[in-house]
Amino acid sequence: MSHDVLRAFETAVRESGLDWTVLRPDGFASNAFLRADQVRSAGTVAAPFADVALPVVDPMDIAGVAAEVLREPAAHVGRTYVLTGPVTMSQRERVRALAGVAGDPVTLVALSASEARARLVRFLPEDAVDGTPSVMGEPSAEEQRVSPDVERVLGRAPRPFAGWAERNAPAFA
């Protein structure tokens, strides 16, 4: 879904007259599962924009923030939390982390934006795919910003991608 559509949903929630809290996670660390077959079968990851860094978030941190918001709703009413990992990481850096848990070397195969789009439309709706390359290839400063919100809500730093990779190593080995 495009950022415009998501922001429209957020606006509707804010204007609903109900108490609300918005959780806005950035790229999910678990999107790496889309490359698990490539890692296991060929020892490669084919991806565009190898050196563009984004702050991917561990889904366990998203769940932790959501649980905290549900446990103490009054403390979070009217807030929007941007959920990111602790640092920005490029595709190349994430592939290195996956290689560290896969047990075998993993090579990054750089794709052009058009090659990436052709692969993505095989399993994602076109409207979702159309916004993905721009975020991945030319992210805004906001999309690259590491947010303090996970730490603010949970009282601890967000989990790093390497920790997510270690917990999910069997999928890549």
Protein backbone atom coordinates (compact mmCIF):
# COMPACT_ATOMS: atom_id res chain seq x y z
CA MET A 1 0.00 0.00 0.00
CA SER A 2 1.24 3.47 -0.75
CA HIS A 3 2.15 5.92 2.00
CA ASP A 4 -0.75 8.14 0.87
CA VAL A 5 -3.27 5.34 1.43
CA LEU A 6 -1.80 4.51 4.82
CA ARG A 7 -1.87 8.17 5.86
CA ALA A 8 -5.52 8.36 4.77
CA PHE A 9 -6.31 5.42 7.10
CA GLU A 10 -4.46 7.16 9.92
CA THR A 11 -6.40 10.37 9.31
CA ALA A 12 -9.69 8.45 9.43
CA VAL A 13 -8.66 6.87 12.74
CA ARG A 14 -7.65 10.23 14.22
CA GLU A 15 -10.93 11.83 13.12
CA SER A 16 -13.09 8.93 14.34
CA GLY A 17 -13.82 10.44 17.75
CA LEU A 18 -12.46 7.30 19.43
CA ASP A 19 -9.28 6.99 21.47
CA TRP A 20 -6.46 5.93 19.17
CA THR A 21 -2.79 5.07 18.99
CA VAL A 22 -1.05 4.58 15.63
CA LEU A 23 1.82 2.13 15.22
CA ARG A 24 3.78 2.89 12.07
CA PRO A 25 6.42 0.17 11.53
CA ASP A 26 9.02 0.64 8.83
CA GLY A 27 10.45 -2.23 6.78
CA PHE A 28 10.10 -5.55 8.56
CA ALA A 29 13.19 -7.67 9.25
CA SER A 30 10.99 -10.67 8.47
CA ASN A 31 10.81 -9.60 4.81
CA ALA A 32 14.14 -11.45 4.59
CA PHE A 33 12.08 -14.67 4.63
CA LEU A 34 11.23 -13.83 1.01
CA ARG A 35 14.86 -14.63 0.20
CA ALA A 36 15.22 -17.79 2.30
CA ASP A 37 14.79 -20.15 -0.67
CA GLN A 38 17.46 -18.26 -2.63
CA VAL A 39 19.87 -18.46 0.31
CA ARG A 40 19.27 -22.18 0.88
CA SER A 41 19.25 -23.30 -2.76
CA ALA A 42 21.79 -21.01 -4.43
CA GLY A 43 23.65 -19.15 -1.70
CA THR A 44 22.53 -15.85 -3.23
CA VAL A 45 20.19 -12.98 -2.57
CA ALA A 46 18.99 -11.08 -5.62
CA ALA A 47 18.03 -7.55 -4.60
CA PRO A 48 18.03 -3.99 -5.94
CA PHE A 49 19.65 -0.97 -4.29
CA ALA A 50 22.34 -2.98 -2.48
CA ASP A 51 23.85 -0.02 -0.66
CA VAL A 52 20.76 1.97 0.32
CA ALA A 53 20.35 1.77 4.09
CA LEU A 54 16.99 1.59 5.87
CA PRO A 55 16.14 0.88 9.55
CA VAL A 56 14.27 -2.46 9.41
CA VAL A 57 12.31 -3.40 12.52
CA ASP A 58 12.10 -6.76 14.26
CA PRO A 59 8.45 -7.95 14.36
CA MET A 60 8.96 -8.89 18.02
CA ASP A 61 9.49 -5.19 18.74
CA ILE A 62 6.28 -4.32 16.90
CA ALA A 63 4.45 -6.93 18.98
CA GLY A 64 6.07 -5.64 22.17
CA VAL A 65 4.98 -2.06 21.50
CA ALA A 66 1.46 -3.21 20.55
CA ALA A 67 1.21 -5.26 23.76
CA GLU A 68 2.35 -2.30 25.86
CA VAL A 69 -0.18 -0.01 24.17
CA LEU A 70 -2.94 -2.54 24.88
CA ARG A 71 -1.82 -3.02 28.52
CA GLU A 72 -1.68 0.73 29.26
CA PRO A 73 -3.93 2.36 26.66
CA ALA A 74 -4.39 5.65 28.54
CA ALA A 75 -0.62 6.26 28.48
CA HIS A 76 -0.56 6.07 24.66
CA VAL A 77 -3.79 7.72 23.52
CA GLY A 78 -3.30 10.18 20.68
CA ARG A 79 0.26 9.11 19.91
CA THR A 80 1.85 7.89 16.71
CA TYR A 81 4.84 5.60 17.15
CA VAL A 82 7.27 5.10 14.28
CA LEU A 83 8.82 1.67 14.82
CA THR A 84 12.30 1.03 13.44
CA GLY A 85 15.36 -1.01 14.18
CA PRO A 86 18.31 0.51 16.05
CA VAL A 87 20.37 1.39 12.95
CA THR A 88 20.03 1.71 9.20
CA MET A 89 21.29 -1.29 7.26
CA SER A 90 21.77 -1.81 3.55
CA GLN A 91 20.73 -4.94 1.66
CA ARG A 92 24.43 -5.79 1.48
CA GLU A 93 24.76 -5.58 5.29
CA ARG A 94 21.64 -7.68 5.83
CA VAL A 95 22.96 -10.31 3.41
CA ARG A 96 26.19 -10.44 5.45
CA ALA A 97 24.11 -11.05 8.57
CA LEU A 98 22.18 -13.83 6.82
CA ALA A 99 25.45 -15.37 5.64
CA GLY A 100 26.61 -15.39 9.24
CA VAL A 101 23.70 -17.60 10.27
CA ALA A 102 23.30 -19.67 7.08
CA GLY A 103 26.54 -21.54 7.58
CA ASP A 104 27.59 -21.07 3.94
CA PRO A 105 28.67 -18.03 1.95
CA VAL A 106 25.84 -15.89 0.60
CA THR A 107 26.39 -13.60 -2.37
CA LEU A 108 24.37 -10.51 -3.19
CA VAL A 109 23.26 -10.34 -6.83
CA ALA A 110 22.38 -6.74 -7.68
CA LEU A 111 19.13 -6.26 -9.61
CA SER A 112 18.04 -3.21 -11.56
CA ALA A 113 14.83 -1.50 -10.44
CA SER A 114 12.93 -2.98 -13.40
CA GLU A 115 14.21 -6.50 -12.66
CA ALA A 116 13.16 -6.12 -9.02
CA ARG A 117 9.70 -4.90 -10.03
CA ALA A 118 9.22 -7.86 -12.38
CA ARG A 119 10.01 -10.24 -9.51
CA LEU A 120 7.84 -8.45 -6.96
CA VAL A 121 4.68 -8.42 -9.10
CA ARG A 122 4.73 -12.21 -9.01
CA PHE A 123 3.55 -12.20 -5.40
CA LEU A 124 2.51 -8.63 -4.46
CA PRO A 125 -0.30 -6.41 -5.78
CA GLU A 126 0.90 -3.89 -8.37
CA ASP A 127 -0.07 -0.88 -6.25
CA ALA A 128 2.16 -2.19 -3.44
CA VAL A 129 5.00 -2.89 -5.86
CA ASP A 130 4.85 0.54 -7.49
CA GLY A 131 5.82 2.33 -4.27
CA THR A 132 8.42 -0.21 -3.11
CA PRO A 133 11.30 0.63 -5.48
CA SER A 134 11.11 4.35 -4.67
CA VAL A 135 11.33 3.66 -0.94
CA MET A 136 14.12 1.14 -1.41
CA GLY A 137 16.07 3.12 -4.01
CA GLU A 138 15.45 6.72 -3.08
CA PRO A 139 14.09 6.77 0.46
CA SER A 140 13.19 10.08 2.05
CA ALA A 141 15.02 11.32 5.12
CA GLU A 142 11.97 10.26 7.15
CA GLU A 143 12.12 6.71 5.75
CA GLN A 144 15.82 6.48 6.67
CA ARG A 145 15.45 7.95 10.16
CA VAL A 146 16.00 5.69 13.14
CA SER A 147 13.14 6.37 15.54
CA PRO A 148 13.46 6.41 19.33
CA ASP A 149 9.87 5.16 19.75
CA VAL A 150 10.57 1.44 20.38
CA GLU A 151 12.96 2.38 23.18
CA ARG A 152 10.60 5.08 24.45
CA VAL A 153 7.73 2.59 24.82
CA LEU A 154 9.63 -0.56 25.82
CA GLY A 155 12.42 0.98 27.87
CA ARG A 156 15.09 -0.84 25.87
CA ALA A 157 16.79 -0.48 22.52
CA PRO A 158 15.17 -2.09 19.48
CA ARG A 159 16.46 -5.51 18.49
CA PRO A 160 19.08 -5.51 15.70
CA PHE A 161 18.63 -7.34 12.39
CA ALA A 162 21.45 -9.72 13.29
CA GLY A 163 19.47 -10.88 16.33
CA TRP A 164 16.41 -11.50 14.17
CA ALA A 165 18.61 -13.47 11.73
CA GLU A 166 20.06 -15.59 14.55
CA ARG A 167 16.58 -16.44 15.91
CA ASN A 168 15.47 -17.44 12.42
CA ALA A 169 18.65 -19.15 11.24
CA PRO A 170 16.95 -22.49 10.44
CA ALA A 171 15.01 -20.81 7.63
CA PHE A 172 18.28 -19.86 5.90
CA ALA A 173 20.53 -22.86 6.63
